[in-house]
Amino acid sequence: MDERDPKKTPAVSATAILLGLAALRLVLTLAFSGRYGYFRDELYYIACSDHLALGYVDQPPLSIGLLAVVRALLGNSLFALRLLPGIAGAAVVYLAGLLARKLGAGKFGQVLAALAALISPGFLSQSRYYSMNILDILFWTVAVYLALVIVKDDRPRLWPLFGIVVGLGLQNKYSIGFLVVGLVAGLLLTTARKHLFKWSFWVGAALAALIFLPHVLWEIRTGFPSVEFMRNASLYKNMPISPFGFFLAQVMEVGLIQAFLWLAGLGFFFFHREGKRLRLFGWMYVVVFLIMIATRAKAYYLIPIYPVLLAGGAVLVEDVSARAGRRWLRPVTAVLLVIFSALAVPFVIPVLPVESFIAYQDFLGIKPGQEERTAVGVLPQHYADMFGWEEMTATVAKIYQGLSPEERAGCLIYVRNYGQAGAIDFFGPKFGLPKASCGHNNYWLWGPPDWDGKVAIVFGDNNDLEESTKDVSPGFTTVEHVATFTHKYVMPYENGRPIFICRGAKGNIKDIWPQEKNFN
């Protein structure tokens, strides 16, 4: 009996297990959603959702529009913000099992693929907070599943639906364009190229372009700010990484045992008797991998491509383990998958109180790695950026309340990055604070405030008091250092940040606004 024959596998039973694993993923994500705090980017996205538009400096509009809907329906709690990422992550788990089923897996292969996706560090980490990234993984996975159905079952009439998914994916994050390039390359390099001559393929391409068009028009109207943002991020923000380093990062992002699975998945698509009929998906991975190295992309940008490779690897493991004397491979693979992934879970989901996490990190001898070109403290950046925001806002509020009523009425609060600005905008109302102003990303696009120039609370440019004083002083008649924000868990560049009261602006803020622009 061929255990990979879907006709001989109780599909309902397999489906029930896949749904159970997806539900488990949702529970795992949401159970710890309230631990630590709001992530830096979440605070910024909340601010963006108060300024709905067809685009933003650092992203297309879809995820922000969805966030506005979530806030309108459920409010601003951490649970509410992280519900949609949790659902999206659960859907990816279920789709990983469906991908394996479509590739020919029986129950074990389907469950193995879904389990690998469920506890993959990279997939879990992107469900940790609200952002476009987990939605990006979902859009890629749905698009790949549709492409698999189209090619394997010869259903070209589904290309328009594929195009709609890609168009929505582009409105969420540009990187799904890499998938399209890789898929087209895979089609060209295999006998599946016949699909490129189908009218339905080009209808799908047209639909994707049409859905994406409003954002393109926004980019043209605003001077292509996202192009400038991506160029600056590549040159000045993202950590440079070698091709081999990028490969090792994939192993760490997706998971150690998962790495064996997705490498087996490549082998499945290139060499297996069944898989090589779908070799285009192997070429798709190779092309996208090379493009991301060439464009100096962050390692996690490639994560969305792995569900189909995990599915292919699961089919191969199931096939090999079905032979006499190799059944032991199944429990061993599953157990190793769970053990190694469980070790990594505290690094991607805040399952431990912060001090316990630091102790766990130290016990394993792991030091926080740099995700960007900034020094890190006792916590990895993705955790450090969940601390200190309300305390920072309270520090500003204390300064603000110390001003006279007349000064408070016209006081400008000027900060240096969107995390600081988003925190003041979010936590500030309960302290009676006005909105913050900032030159970082979309805060710059929202423009300079109406300000009389009399008094401002200004954050230092960095955490060096002397340098920050020299930076601020030329613009004002008097500059007084009144506070220093400190917090042991935040990123080092936020810790020890000086805050000034500045009076008597020497110029109009609208005149200097162009030079305040900071897109990165």
Protein backbone atom coordinates (compact mmCIF):
# COMPACT_ATOMS: atom_id res chain seq x y z
CA MET A 1 0.00 0.00 0.00
CA ASP A 2 1.31 3.46 -0.90
CA GLU A 3 0.73 5.46 2.26
CA ARG A 4 1.12 8.68 0.31
CA ASP A 5 -1.92 8.00 -1.84
CA PRO A 6 -4.48 10.60 -0.70
CA LYS A 7 -7.28 8.28 -1.80
CA LYS A 8 -6.17 5.73 0.79
CA THR A 9 -5.72 8.29 3.56
CA PRO A 10 -8.75 9.31 5.62
CA ALA A 11 -8.86 12.90 4.42
CA VAL A 12 -11.29 14.02 7.12
CA SER A 13 -9.03 12.66 9.84
CA ALA A 14 -5.99 14.39 8.35
CA THR A 15 -7.96 17.60 7.98
CA ALA A 16 -9.05 17.44 11.61
CA ILE A 17 -5.43 17.11 12.73
CA LEU A 18 -4.35 20.02 10.53
CA LEU A 19 -7.13 22.18 11.96
CA GLY A 20 -6.09 21.14 15.46
CA LEU A 21 -2.48 22.13 14.81
CA ALA A 22 -3.61 25.46 13.37
CA ALA A 23 -5.72 26.08 16.48
CA LEU A 24 -2.76 25.17 18.68
CA ARG A 25 -0.66 27.73 16.83
CA LEU A 26 -3.29 30.41 17.44
CA VAL A 27 -3.45 29.56 21.15
CA LEU A 28 0.34 29.57 21.46
CA THR A 29 0.55 33.00 19.86
CA LEU A 30 -2.26 34.63 21.81
CA ALA A 31 -1.52 33.06 25.18
CA PHE A 32 1.54 35.28 25.57
CA SER A 33 0.34 38.28 23.59
CA GLY A 34 0.09 40.46 26.70
CA ARG A 35 3.56 39.71 28.03
CA TYR A 36 6.22 42.45 27.72
CA GLY A 37 4.45 45.27 25.88
CA TYR A 38 3.72 47.12 22.65
CA PHE A 39 6.40 46.71 20.02
CA ARG A 40 8.03 49.84 18.60
CA ASP A 41 6.61 49.23 15.13
CA GLU A 42 3.11 48.54 16.47
CA LEU A 43 3.00 52.01 18.00
CA TYR A 44 4.05 53.49 14.68
CA TYR A 45 1.49 51.42 12.76
CA ILE A 46 -1.23 52.61 15.13
CA ALA A 47 -0.23 56.19 14.32
CA CYS A 48 -0.34 55.33 10.60
CA SER A 49 -3.83 53.88 11.01
CA ASP A 50 -4.91 57.31 12.25
CA HIS A 51 -3.69 58.73 8.92
CA LEU A 52 -5.21 56.37 6.35
CA ALA A 53 -3.70 56.78 2.90
CA LEU A 54 -2.88 54.84 -0.26
CA GLY A 55 0.69 54.39 0.88
CA TYR A 56 3.33 55.07 3.50
CA VAL A 57 7.05 55.71 3.30
CA ASP A 58 7.93 52.23 4.54
CA GLN A 59 5.00 50.10 3.35
CA PRO A 60 1.94 49.84 1.13
CA PRO A 61 -1.45 50.50 2.76
CA LEU A 62 -3.21 47.15 3.21
CA SER A 63 -1.92 46.11 6.63
CA ILE A 64 -2.54 49.62 7.97
CA GLY A 65 -6.10 49.62 6.65
CA LEU A 66 -6.72 46.24 8.28
CA LEU A 67 -5.29 47.58 11.53
CA ALA A 68 -7.73 50.49 11.42
CA VAL A 69 -10.57 47.97 11.10
CA VAL A 70 -9.22 45.87 13.99
CA ARG A 71 -8.96 48.94 16.21
CA ALA A 72 -12.46 50.09 15.31
CA LEU A 73 -13.94 46.67 16.13
CA LEU A 74 -11.77 45.43 19.00
CA GLY A 75 -9.87 48.38 20.44
CA ASN A 76 -6.17 48.88 21.12
CA SER A 77 -5.32 46.09 23.57
CA LEU A 78 -2.35 43.86 22.89
CA PHE A 79 -4.70 40.91 22.48
CA ALA A 80 -6.78 42.80 19.90
CA LEU A 81 -3.72 43.92 17.93
CA ARG A 82 -2.22 40.45 17.86
CA LEU A 83 -5.37 38.49 17.04
CA LEU A 84 -5.09 38.96 13.26
CA PRO A 85 -1.38 37.97 13.18
CA GLY A 86 -2.32 34.90 15.23
CA ILE A 87 -5.06 33.92 12.79
CA ALA A 88 -2.77 34.50 9.81
CA GLY A 89 -0.08 32.32 11.40
CA ALA A 90 -2.62 29.56 12.07
CA ALA A 91 -3.74 29.70 8.43
CA VAL A 92 -0.14 29.23 7.28
CA VAL A 93 0.13 26.09 9.42
CA TYR A 94 -3.02 24.66 7.85
CA LEU A 95 -1.88 25.59 4.33
CA ALA A 96 1.47 23.90 4.87
CA GLY A 97 -0.43 20.66 5.44
CA LEU A 98 -2.58 21.26 2.36
CA LEU A 99 0.54 21.89 0.28
CA ALA A 100 1.91 18.53 1.40
CA ARG A 101 -1.41 16.87 0.56
CA LYS A 102 -1.42 18.39 -2.92
CA LEU A 103 2.14 17.14 -3.42
CA GLY A 104 0.94 13.63 -2.63
CA ALA A 105 1.52 13.26 1.11
CA GLY A 106 -0.53 10.97 3.27
CA LYS A 107 -1.55 11.77 6.81
CA PHE A 108 1.96 11.65 8.29
CA GLY A 109 3.45 13.91 5.63
CA GLN A 110 0.65 16.44 5.97
CA VAL A 111 0.98 16.53 9.76
CA LEU A 112 4.78 16.75 9.58
CA ALA A 113 4.63 19.75 7.24
CA ALA A 114 2.06 21.51 9.41
CA LEU A 115 3.99 20.73 12.60
CA ALA A 116 7.19 22.09 11.06
CA ALA A 117 5.40 25.34 10.20
CA LEU A 118 3.69 25.52 13.58
CA ILE A 119 6.91 25.60 15.60
CA SER A 120 9.27 27.19 13.10
CA PRO A 121 11.06 30.04 14.94
CA GLY A 122 10.78 32.35 11.96
CA PHE A 123 7.07 31.76 11.43
CA LEU A 124 6.36 32.12 15.15
CA SER A 125 8.36 35.32 15.44
CA GLN A 126 6.36 37.04 12.72
CA SER A 127 3.12 36.33 14.62
CA ARG A 128 4.52 37.93 17.75
CA TYR A 129 3.22 41.44 17.01
CA TYR A 130 1.13 43.28 14.45
CA SER A 131 2.91 43.95 11.18
CA MET A 132 2.66 43.27 7.48
CA ASN A 133 5.17 40.41 7.76
CA ILE A 134 2.91 37.55 8.88
CA LEU A 135 0.35 38.68 6.31
CA ASP A 136 3.16 38.55 3.75
CA ILE A 137 3.84 34.92 4.66
CA LEU A 138 0.15 34.15 4.29
CA PHE A 139 -0.12 35.82 0.87
CA TRP A 140 2.97 33.97 -0.40
CA THR A 141 1.63 30.64 0.87
CA VAL A 142 -1.80 31.11 -0.69
CA ALA A 143 -0.21 32.21 -3.98
CA VAL A 144 2.13 29.20 -4.06
CA TYR A 145 -0.74 26.84 -3.24
CA LEU A 146 -2.75 28.26 -6.14
CA ALA A 147 0.25 27.97 -8.46
CA LEU A 148 0.70 24.35 -7.39
CA VAL A 149 -2.95 23.57 -8.10
CA ILE A 150 -2.77 25.34 -11.47
CA VAL A 151 0.35 23.52 -12.65
CA LYS A 152 -0.23 20.09 -11.09
CA ASP A 153 -3.90 19.81 -11.98
CA ASP A 154 -3.61 21.83 -15.21
CA ARG A 155 -6.16 24.43 -14.16
CA PRO A 156 -4.98 27.62 -15.91
CA ARG A 157 -8.33 29.29 -15.31
CA LEU A 158 -7.13 29.91 -11.75
CA TRP A 159 -4.40 32.35 -12.86
CA PRO A 160 -6.75 35.36 -12.42
CA LEU A 161 -7.33 34.31 -8.80
CA PHE A 162 -3.56 33.98 -8.40
CA GLY A 163 -3.24 37.52 -9.75
CA ILE A 164 -5.75 38.87 -7.24
CA VAL A 165 -3.80 37.27 -4.38
CA VAL A 166 -0.53 38.73 -5.68
CA GLY A 167 -2.13 42.16 -6.13
CA LEU A 168 -3.35 42.16 -2.54
CA GLY A 169 0.04 40.85 -1.45
CA LEU A 170 1.74 43.78 -3.18
CA GLN A 171 -0.60 46.16 -1.39
CA ASN A 172 0.65 44.55 1.82
CA LYS A 173 4.41 44.28 1.13
CA TYR A 174 6.49 44.59 -2.02
CA SER A 175 8.48 41.42 -1.41
CA ILE A 176 5.84 39.15 -2.93
CA GLY A 177 7.19 40.54 -6.20
CA PHE A 178 10.25 38.33 -5.59
CA LEU A 179 7.94 35.32 -5.57
CA VAL A 180 6.46 36.33 -8.92
CA VAL A 181 9.90 36.73 -10.48
CA GLY A 182 11.00 33.36 -9.10
CA LEU A 183 7.84 31.65 -10.26
CA VAL A 184 8.12 33.07 -13.78
CA ALA A 185 11.76 31.95 -13.88
CA GLY A 186 10.65 28.47 -12.77
CA LEU A 187 8.04 28.38 -15.51
CA LEU A 188 10.57 29.45 -18.12
CA LEU A 189 13.09 26.81 -17.03
CA THR A 190 10.63 23.89 -17.15
CA THR A 191 7.99 22.40 -19.39
CA ALA A 192 5.41 24.35 -17.40
CA ARG A 193 6.38 27.36 -19.55
CA LYS A 194 3.26 26.63 -21.60
CA HIS A 195 1.31 28.53 -18.94
CA LEU A 196 3.05 31.74 -20.00
CA PHE A 197 1.14 31.51 -23.27
CA LYS A 198 -2.26 31.13 -21.63
CA TRP A 199 -4.60 34.14 -21.80
CA SER A 200 -5.60 33.48 -18.20
CA PHE A 201 -2.00 33.97 -17.02
CA TRP A 202 -1.94 37.49 -18.47
CA VAL A 203 -5.38 38.26 -17.11
CA GLY A 204 -3.97 37.38 -13.69
CA ALA A 205 -0.97 39.65 -14.30
CA ALA A 206 -3.28 42.49 -15.33
CA LEU A 207 -5.45 42.04 -12.24
CA ALA A 208 -2.38 42.12 -9.98
CA ALA A 209 -1.18 45.32 -11.66
CA LEU A 210 -4.62 46.91 -11.43
CA ILE A 211 -4.94 46.17 -7.71
CA PHE A 212 -1.45 47.56 -7.08
CA LEU A 213 -1.96 50.65 -9.26
CA PRO A 214 -3.43 53.00 -6.62
CA HIS A 215 -0.30 52.63 -4.51
CA VAL A 216 1.94 53.17 -7.53
CA LEU A 217 0.08 56.41 -8.27
CA TRP A 218 0.55 57.45 -4.64
CA GLU A 219 4.30 56.80 -4.96
CA ILE A 220 4.46 58.94 -8.11
CA ARG A 221 2.49 61.76 -6.48
CA THR A 222 4.69 61.80 -3.36
CA GLY A 223 8.04 61.48 -5.15
CA PHE A 224 8.71 57.74 -4.62
CA PRO A 225 9.48 57.91 -0.88
CA SER A 226 9.52 54.11 -0.57
CA VAL A 227 12.35 53.87 -3.09
CA GLU A 228 14.39 56.29 -0.99
CA PHE A 229 13.47 54.38 2.16
CA MET A 230 14.56 51.01 0.76
CA ARG A 231 17.81 52.42 -0.60
CA ASN A 232 18.70 54.04 2.74
CA ALA A 233 17.76 50.91 4.70
CA SER A 234 20.00 48.80 2.48
CA LEU A 235 22.94 51.21 2.69
CA TYR A 236 22.78 52.40 6.29
CA LYS A 237 20.45 50.24 8.41
CA ASN A 238 20.45 46.57 7.44
CA MET A 239 23.39 44.50 8.59
CA PRO A 240 25.57 43.39 5.64
CA ILE A 241 25.63 39.61 5.27
CA SER A 242 27.60 37.21 3.09
CA PRO A 243 25.85 34.62 0.89
CA PHE A 244 26.93 31.85 3.27
CA GLY A 245 25.82 33.96 6.24
CA PHE A 246 22.47 34.44 4.54
CA PHE A 247 22.15 30.67 4.14
CA LEU A 248 23.01 30.05 7.80
CA ALA A 249 20.47 32.69 8.77
CA GLN A 250 17.83 30.71 6.88
CA VAL A 251 18.69 27.66 8.97
CA MET A 252 18.28 29.65 12.18
CA GLU A 253 15.14 31.47 11.04
CA VAL A 254 13.22 28.43 9.82
CA GLY A 255 14.63 26.02 12.41
CA LEU A 256 17.42 23.46 12.55
CA ILE A 257 15.35 20.34 11.90
CA GLN A 258 13.11 22.33 9.56
CA ALA A 259 16.28 23.09 7.57
CA PHE A 260 16.72 19.38 6.89
CA LEU A 261 13.12 19.30 5.74
CA TRP A 262 13.33 22.24 3.34
CA LEU A 263 16.63 21.01 1.94
CA ALA A 264 14.92 17.66 1.44
CA GLY A 265 12.14 19.64 -0.21
CA LEU A 266 14.62 21.03 -2.73
CA GLY A 267 15.77 17.49 -3.37
CA PHE A 268 12.16 16.43 -3.81
CA PHE A 269 11.50 19.06 -6.48
CA PHE A 270 14.72 18.47 -8.38
CA PHE A 271 15.22 14.70 -8.14
CA HIS A 272 12.19 12.79 -6.82
CA ARG A 273 10.23 10.83 -9.43
CA GLU A 274 7.05 12.75 -8.59
CA GLY A 275 8.48 16.03 -7.42
CA LYS A 276 10.64 16.75 -10.46
CA ARG A 277 7.46 17.15 -12.48
CA LEU A 278 7.05 20.28 -10.39
CA ARG A 279 10.68 21.33 -10.63
CA LEU A 280 9.63 24.91 -11.24
CA PHE A 281 9.16 25.32 -7.46
CA GLY A 282 12.77 24.28 -6.89
CA TRP A 283 13.96 26.84 -9.43
CA MET A 284 11.64 29.40 -7.85
CA TYR A 285 13.48 29.03 -4.54
CA VAL A 286 16.94 29.21 -6.10
CA VAL A 287 16.10 32.37 -8.06
CA VAL A 288 14.47 34.16 -5.12
CA PHE A 289 17.37 33.17 -2.84
CA LEU A 290 19.88 34.68 -5.27
CA ILE A 291 17.84 37.84 -5.78
CA MET A 292 17.63 38.43 -2.06
CA ILE A 293 21.37 38.03 -1.66
CA ALA A 294 21.96 40.44 -4.53
CA THR A 295 19.61 43.04 -3.03
CA ARG A 296 21.05 42.63 0.50
CA ALA A 297 17.67 41.70 1.93
CA LYS A 298 17.19 40.84 5.59
CA ALA A 299 17.27 37.11 6.26
CA TYR A 300 13.63 36.91 7.34
CA TYR A 301 12.43 38.30 4.01
CA LEU A 302 12.82 34.80 2.53
CA ILE A 303 10.75 33.04 5.21
CA PRO A 304 7.47 33.13 3.23
CA ILE A 305 8.85 30.74 0.61
CA TYR A 306 9.41 27.84 3.00
CA PRO A 307 5.96 26.27 3.49
CA VAL A 308 6.09 24.63 0.05
CA LEU A 309 9.64 23.37 0.66
CA LEU A 310 8.68 22.00 4.07
CA ALA A 311 5.77 20.27 2.36
CA GLY A 312 8.05 18.76 -0.28
CA GLY A 313 10.48 17.61 2.39
CA ALA A 314 7.64 16.03 4.37
CA VAL A 315 6.59 14.04 1.30
CA LEU A 316 10.15 12.80 0.86
CA VAL A 317 10.51 11.82 4.52
CA GLU A 318 7.19 9.99 4.38
CA ASP A 319 8.25 8.19 1.21
CA VAL A 320 11.63 7.12 2.58
CA SER A 321 10.19 6.09 5.95
CA ALA A 322 7.49 3.95 4.33
CA ARG A 323 10.08 1.39 3.27
CA ALA A 324 10.74 -1.70 5.38
CA GLY A 325 12.94 -1.06 8.40
CA ARG A 326 12.71 2.74 8.21
CA ARG A 327 9.49 3.42 10.10
CA TRP A 328 11.56 4.67 13.03
CA LEU A 329 12.37 7.78 10.98
CA ARG A 330 8.88 9.13 11.56
CA PRO A 331 8.81 9.38 15.37
CA VAL A 332 12.48 10.40 15.45
CA THR A 333 11.89 13.23 12.98
CA ALA A 334 8.81 14.47 14.83
CA VAL A 335 10.47 14.30 18.26
CA LEU A 336 13.64 16.09 17.10
CA LEU A 337 11.49 18.71 15.41
CA VAL A 338 9.62 19.42 18.63
CA ILE A 339 12.69 19.36 20.91
CA PHE A 340 14.90 21.68 18.86
CA SER A 341 12.04 24.06 18.12
CA ALA A 342 10.99 24.15 21.78
CA LEU A 343 14.50 25.28 22.72
CA ALA A 344 14.12 28.23 20.37
CA VAL A 345 10.56 29.22 21.34
CA PRO A 346 11.57 31.58 24.22
CA PHE A 347 13.65 33.57 21.72
CA VAL A 348 10.71 34.23 19.40
CA ILE A 349 7.63 34.20 21.66
CA PRO A 350 7.75 35.82 25.13
CA VAL A 351 6.81 32.65 27.00
CA LEU A 352 9.18 33.55 29.86
CA PRO A 353 9.15 36.59 32.16
CA VAL A 354 11.92 38.92 31.08
CA GLU A 355 14.39 38.09 33.86
CA SER A 356 13.79 34.37 33.32
CA PHE A 357 14.43 34.85 29.61
CA ILE A 358 17.71 36.63 30.29
CA ALA A 359 18.75 33.79 32.60
CA TYR A 360 17.76 31.22 29.94
CA GLN A 361 19.70 33.12 27.31
CA ASP A 362 22.76 33.25 29.54
CA PHE A 363 22.43 29.56 30.44
CA LEU A 364 22.60 28.66 26.74
CA GLY A 365 25.52 31.04 26.26
CA ILE A 366 23.67 32.99 23.58
CA LYS A 367 24.25 36.71 23.24
CA PRO A 368 21.69 38.94 21.54
CA GLY A 369 22.58 39.30 17.88
CA GLN A 370 22.42 42.49 15.86
CA GLU A 371 19.46 42.69 13.53
CA GLU A 372 20.44 46.17 12.33
CA ARG A 373 23.55 48.37 12.52
CA THR A 374 22.92 49.32 16.11
CA ALA A 375 24.35 47.91 19.34
CA VAL A 376 22.12 45.65 21.42
CA GLY A 377 21.75 45.38 25.18
CA VAL A 378 20.70 42.53 27.44
CA LEU A 379 17.75 41.64 25.20
CA PRO A 380 17.48 40.92 21.47
CA GLN A 381 16.21 43.94 19.58
CA HIS A 382 12.78 42.41 18.93
CA TYR A 383 12.25 42.11 22.70
CA ALA A 384 14.03 45.30 23.76
CA ASP A 385 11.68 47.28 21.52
CA MET A 386 8.73 46.07 23.64
CA PHE A 387 9.93 47.91 26.75
CA GLY A 388 10.09 51.43 28.06
CA TRP A 389 7.58 53.27 25.90
CA GLU A 390 5.05 54.17 28.55
CA GLU A 391 7.82 55.08 31.00
CA MET A 392 9.40 57.33 28.37
CA THR A 393 6.05 59.02 27.77
CA ALA A 394 5.60 59.53 31.53
CA THR A 395 9.02 61.22 31.64
CA VAL A 396 7.95 63.64 28.92
CA ALA A 397 4.62 64.24 30.67
CA LYS A 398 6.37 65.23 33.89
CA ILE A 399 8.38 67.84 31.98
CA TYR A 400 5.28 69.04 30.16
CA GLN A 401 3.26 69.42 33.36
CA GLY A 402 6.08 71.53 34.81
CA LEU A 403 5.52 74.21 32.18
CA SER A 404 3.20 77.14 32.72
CA PRO A 405 -0.32 76.85 31.26
CA GLU A 406 0.62 79.37 28.58
CA GLU A 407 3.70 77.38 27.56
CA ARG A 408 1.83 74.07 27.58
CA ALA A 409 -0.77 75.50 25.20
CA GLY A 410 1.81 76.01 22.46
CA CYS A 411 4.47 73.43 23.37
CA LEU A 412 6.01 71.31 20.62
CA ILE A 413 7.19 67.79 21.45
CA TYR A 414 9.90 66.88 18.97
CA VAL A 415 11.42 63.38 18.98
CA ARG A 416 13.92 61.51 16.83
CA ASN A 417 12.33 58.29 15.63
CA TYR A 418 8.92 56.82 14.96
CA GLY A 419 9.05 54.60 18.04
CA GLN A 420 9.32 57.61 20.34
CA ALA A 421 6.68 59.50 18.35
CA GLY A 422 4.30 56.54 18.23
CA ALA A 423 4.65 56.01 21.99
CA ILE A 424 3.82 59.62 22.79
CA ASP A 425 0.88 59.60 20.40
CA PHE A 426 -0.45 56.34 21.90
CA PHE A 427 0.24 56.76 25.62
CA GLY A 428 0.25 60.55 25.66
CA PRO A 429 -3.51 61.27 25.80
CA LYS A 430 -3.85 59.84 29.31
CA PHE A 431 -1.08 62.24 30.40
CA GLY A 432 -2.61 65.18 28.57
CA LEU A 433 0.20 65.38 26.01
CA PRO A 434 -0.15 66.80 22.50
CA LYS A 435 0.86 64.73 19.47
CA ALA A 436 4.57 64.34 18.78
CA SER A 437 6.44 65.66 15.75
CA CYS A 438 9.27 63.81 14.08
CA GLY A 439 11.21 63.65 10.83
CA HIS A 440 11.32 59.86 10.68
CA ASN A 441 9.54 58.07 7.83
CA ASN A 442 5.83 58.88 7.55
CA TYR A 443 5.95 61.36 10.42
CA TRP A 444 7.97 63.56 8.08
CA LEU A 445 5.39 63.18 5.32
CA TRP A 446 2.65 64.27 7.71
CA GLY A 447 4.48 67.56 7.76
CA PRO A 448 5.62 70.17 10.26
CA PRO A 449 3.15 71.24 12.96
CA ASP A 450 1.72 74.70 13.39
CA TRP A 451 4.02 76.03 16.10
CA ASP A 452 4.75 79.51 17.37
CA GLY A 453 8.39 78.70 18.16
CA LYS A 454 8.23 79.75 21.81
CA VAL A 455 8.82 76.46 23.67
CA ALA A 456 9.57 72.86 22.78
CA ILE A 457 10.42 69.61 24.52
CA VAL A 458 13.13 68.10 22.33
CA PHE A 459 14.76 64.68 22.48
CA GLY A 460 18.50 64.50 22.02
CA ASP A 461 19.76 63.22 18.70
CA ASN A 462 21.49 60.35 20.54
CA ASN A 463 22.33 59.37 24.11
CA ASP A 464 25.49 61.49 24.30
CA LEU A 465 24.59 64.64 26.24
CA GLU A 466 27.35 66.81 24.85
CA GLU A 467 26.69 65.86 21.23
CA SER A 468 22.93 66.24 21.64
CA THR A 469 23.33 69.67 23.25
CA LYS A 470 25.51 70.83 20.35
CA ASP A 471 22.92 69.49 17.91
CA VAL A 472 19.97 71.29 19.53
CA SER A 473 21.54 74.57 20.73
CA PRO A 474 21.98 76.41 17.38
CA GLY A 475 18.23 76.42 16.79
CA PHE A 476 17.12 78.07 20.05
CA THR A 477 17.84 81.03 22.30
CA THR A 478 17.95 78.85 25.43
CA VAL A 479 18.40 75.10 25.81
CA GLU A 480 18.01 73.39 29.18
CA HIS A 481 18.75 69.72 29.83
CA VAL A 482 15.88 68.70 32.14
CA ALA A 483 15.76 64.88 32.09
CA THR A 484 17.46 61.72 30.91
CA PHE A 485 15.34 58.72 30.05
CA THR A 486 16.80 55.42 31.28
CA HIS A 487 15.51 51.87 31.21
CA LYS A 488 17.57 48.71 31.61
CA TYR A 489 15.77 46.66 28.96
CA VAL A 490 15.51 49.09 26.05
CA MET A 491 17.87 49.33 23.10
CA PRO A 492 21.15 51.06 24.08
CA TYR A 493 20.53 54.01 21.77
CA GLU A 494 17.30 54.75 23.65
CA ASN A 495 18.80 54.30 27.11
CA GLY A 496 20.28 57.48 28.56
CA ARG A 497 18.54 59.68 25.99
CA PRO A 498 18.69 63.37 27.09
CA ILE A 499 15.56 65.51 26.92
CA PHE A 500 15.64 69.31 26.68
CA ILE A 501 13.33 72.25 27.17
CA CYS A 502 14.11 74.66 24.35
CA ARG A 503 12.83 78.23 24.13
CA GLY A 504 12.91 80.88 21.46
CA ALA A 505 13.27 79.13 18.12
CA LYS A 506 15.61 81.04 15.81
CA GLY A 507 13.74 80.01 12.69
CA ASN A 508 10.48 78.70 11.35
CA ILE A 509 10.10 74.94 11.66
CA LYS A 510 8.49 74.82 8.21
CA ASP A 511 11.67 76.25 6.70
CA ILE A 512 13.93 73.62 8.22
CA TRP A 513 11.52 70.69 7.76
CA PRO A 514 13.07 69.45 4.46
CA GLN A 515 16.40 68.81 6.17
CA GLU A 516 14.73 66.91 9.01
CA LYS A 517 13.71 64.11 6.64
CA ASN A 518 14.95 60.69 7.78
CA PHE A 519 13.73 57.81 5.64
CA ASN A 520 15.22 54.51 6.87
